[in-house]
């Protein structure tokens, strides 16, 4: 389920099952702790990774457990980058980014705030779409060392 790709990369591949995201949460938290992120930032990383994974499972794979979701943790000297990839149809990123997650309609909706949450918790969030081949969410958190 988890394998070292290189000296600074760890790949975790899970079936599209929401209950397995707890494993990914523990991996994200352990990596953040190993990199010495403060607790609040480690929680932000784990929450964002779980949100991206939830979106991949629910919206990318429509809960099809036969389709895997990949979590590639890229550990750098000054940053952690996590690439969460599915094989789903993708989505219109620009339309989602134009929507106002704080509007009364959005606040009452049961869905639609995940990207806003990830963007508020991480230093960078980007999307790579491959039509009919999937979506990758790239989450980046920089390590701010004390001076």
Protein backbone atom coordinates (compact mmCIF):
# COMPACT_ATOMS: atom_id res chain seq x y z
CA UNK A 1 0.00 0.00 0.00
CA UNK A 2 2.89 2.41 0.70
CA UNK A 3 6.24 2.34 -1.03
CA UNK A 4 9.31 4.52 -1.20
CA UNK A 5 9.73 5.81 -4.76
CA UNK A 6 12.98 7.65 -4.14
CA UNK A 7 14.87 8.95 -1.16
CA UNK A 8 12.39 11.78 -0.80
CA UNK A 9 9.12 10.35 -2.18
CA UNK A 10 6.50 8.05 -0.70
CA UNK A 11 3.59 6.70 -2.71
CA UNK A 12 0.41 5.50 -1.02
CA UNK A 13 -2.19 3.85 -3.28
CA UNK A 14 -5.62 3.03 -1.88
CA UNK A 15 -8.87 1.75 -3.36
CA UNK A 16 -11.60 4.39 -3.61
CA UNK A 17 -13.07 3.68 -0.19
CA UNK A 18 -13.63 6.56 2.23
CA UNK A 19 -12.95 4.43 5.32
CA UNK A 20 -9.35 3.83 4.19
CA UNK A 21 -8.57 7.57 4.22
CA UNK A 22 -7.72 7.15 7.92
CA UNK A 23 -4.54 5.35 6.81
CA UNK A 24 -3.59 8.28 4.56
CA UNK A 25 -4.32 10.69 7.42
CA UNK A 26 -1.83 8.85 9.62
CA UNK A 27 0.82 8.83 6.86
CA UNK A 28 0.37 12.57 6.21
CA UNK A 29 0.55 13.33 9.93
CA UNK A 30 3.67 11.17 10.40
CA UNK A 31 5.46 12.82 7.47
CA UNK A 32 4.55 16.33 8.70
CA UNK A 33 5.80 15.44 12.19
CA UNK A 34 9.02 13.97 10.74
CA UNK A 35 9.58 17.21 8.82
CA UNK A 36 9.01 19.15 12.06
CA UNK A 37 6.00 21.15 10.93
CA UNK A 38 4.28 22.86 13.86
CA UNK A 39 1.18 20.98 15.04
CA UNK A 40 -1.27 23.44 13.48
CA UNK A 41 0.43 23.21 10.09
CA UNK A 42 0.66 19.41 10.34
CA UNK A 43 -3.10 19.35 10.95
CA UNK A 44 -3.62 21.63 7.94
CA UNK A 45 -1.61 19.26 5.76
CA UNK A 46 -3.49 16.17 6.94
CA UNK A 47 -6.89 17.87 6.57
CA UNK A 48 -6.07 19.05 3.03
CA UNK A 49 -4.79 15.64 1.96
CA UNK A 50 -7.96 13.99 3.29
CA UNK A 51 -10.14 16.59 1.56
CA UNK A 52 -8.36 15.99 -1.76
CA UNK A 53 -8.70 12.23 -1.27
CA UNK A 54 -12.38 12.52 -0.43
CA UNK A 55 -12.95 14.56 -3.59
CA UNK A 56 -11.07 11.98 -5.69
CA UNK A 57 -13.10 9.10 -4.25
CA UNK A 58 -16.51 10.78 -4.35
CA UNK A 59 -16.33 13.04 -7.39
CA UNK A 60 -13.54 11.48 -9.45
CA UNK A 61 -14.31 7.80 -8.98
CA UNK A 62 -17.93 7.99 -7.80
CA UNK A 63 -17.08 5.57 -4.96
CA UNK A 64 -15.86 2.85 -7.38
CA UNK A 65 -13.53 0.85 -5.10
CA UNK A 66 -11.91 -0.80 -8.14
CA UNK A 67 -10.25 2.52 -9.04
CA UNK A 68 -7.16 3.50 -7.04
CA UNK A 69 -6.32 6.93 -5.66
CA UNK A 70 -2.60 7.75 -5.48
CA UNK A 71 -1.06 9.99 -2.83
CA UNK A 72 2.53 10.91 -3.71
CA UNK A 73 4.30 12.65 -0.82
CA UNK A 74 7.34 14.59 -2.08
CA UNK A 75 9.54 15.57 0.84
CA UNK A 76 11.80 18.54 0.23
CA UNK A 77 14.25 20.39 2.45
CA UNK A 78 11.90 23.35 2.81
CA UNK A 79 8.49 22.08 1.65
CA UNK A 80 6.15 19.14 1.45
CA UNK A 81 4.29 18.59 -1.80
CA UNK A 82 1.47 16.05 -1.99
CA UNK A 83 0.05 14.95 -5.33
CA UNK A 84 -3.39 13.31 -5.06
CA UNK A 85 -4.39 11.61 -8.33
CA UNK A 86 -7.55 9.93 -9.55
CA UNK A 87 -8.63 8.47 -12.88
CA UNK A 88 -11.93 10.32 -13.08
CA UNK A 89 -13.36 12.63 -15.74
CA UNK A 90 -11.96 15.82 -14.19
CA UNK A 91 -13.93 19.01 -13.65
CA UNK A 92 -14.04 22.66 -14.61
CA UNK A 93 -11.53 24.13 -12.16
CA UNK A 94 -12.16 27.72 -13.24
CA UNK A 95 -15.91 27.41 -12.61
CA UNK A 96 -15.29 26.11 -9.11
CA UNK A 97 -12.72 28.81 -8.36
CA UNK A 98 -15.13 31.54 -9.55
CA UNK A 99 -17.84 30.41 -7.12
CA UNK A 100 -18.10 32.16 -3.75
CA UNK A 101 -17.81 29.58 -0.96
CA UNK A 102 -19.00 32.16 1.58
CA UNK A 103 -22.29 32.96 -0.15
CA UNK A 104 -25.45 31.94 1.73
CA UNK A 105 -26.22 29.26 -0.89
CA UNK A 106 -22.72 27.79 -0.59
CA UNK A 107 -22.72 27.86 3.20
CA UNK A 108 -25.92 25.80 3.29
CA UNK A 109 -24.80 23.35 0.60
CA UNK A 110 -23.64 19.91 1.72
CA UNK A 111 -20.75 20.07 -0.79
CA UNK A 112 -18.57 22.53 -2.64
CA UNK A 113 -16.24 24.02 -0.04
CA UNK A 114 -13.39 21.50 -0.24
CA UNK A 115 -11.20 23.45 -2.65
CA UNK A 116 -11.76 26.62 -0.62
CA UNK A 117 -10.72 24.74 2.54
CA UNK A 118 -7.57 23.34 0.91
CA UNK A 119 -6.62 26.78 -0.45
CA UNK A 120 -7.05 28.34 2.98
CA UNK A 121 -4.91 25.69 4.71
CA UNK A 122 -2.06 25.20 2.22
CA UNK A 123 0.50 27.58 0.72
CA UNK A 124 -0.29 26.44 -2.83
CA UNK A 125 -3.03 24.34 -4.41
CA UNK A 126 -3.06 23.56 -8.12
CA UNK A 127 -4.84 21.16 -10.44
CA UNK A 128 -3.60 19.12 -13.37
CA UNK A 129 -6.36 17.77 -15.62
CA UNK A 130 -5.87 15.00 -18.13
CA UNK A 131 -9.15 14.69 -20.05
CA UNK A 132 -10.63 11.21 -19.63
CA UNK A 133 -7.49 10.20 -17.72
CA UNK A 134 -7.88 11.89 -14.38
CA UNK A 135 -7.19 14.80 -12.12
CA UNK A 136 -4.22 15.51 -9.87
CA UNK A 137 -4.46 17.97 -7.01
CA UNK A 138 -1.06 19.32 -5.98
CA UNK A 139 -0.87 20.56 -2.38
CA UNK A 140 2.22 22.43 -1.17
CA UNK A 141 3.14 23.52 2.35
CA UNK A 142 6.41 25.34 2.95
CA UNK A 143 8.35 24.75 6.13
CA UNK A 144 9.00 28.00 7.92
CA UNK A 145 12.02 27.57 10.12
CA UNK A 146 12.61 29.85 13.10
CA UNK A 147 15.22 32.55 12.61
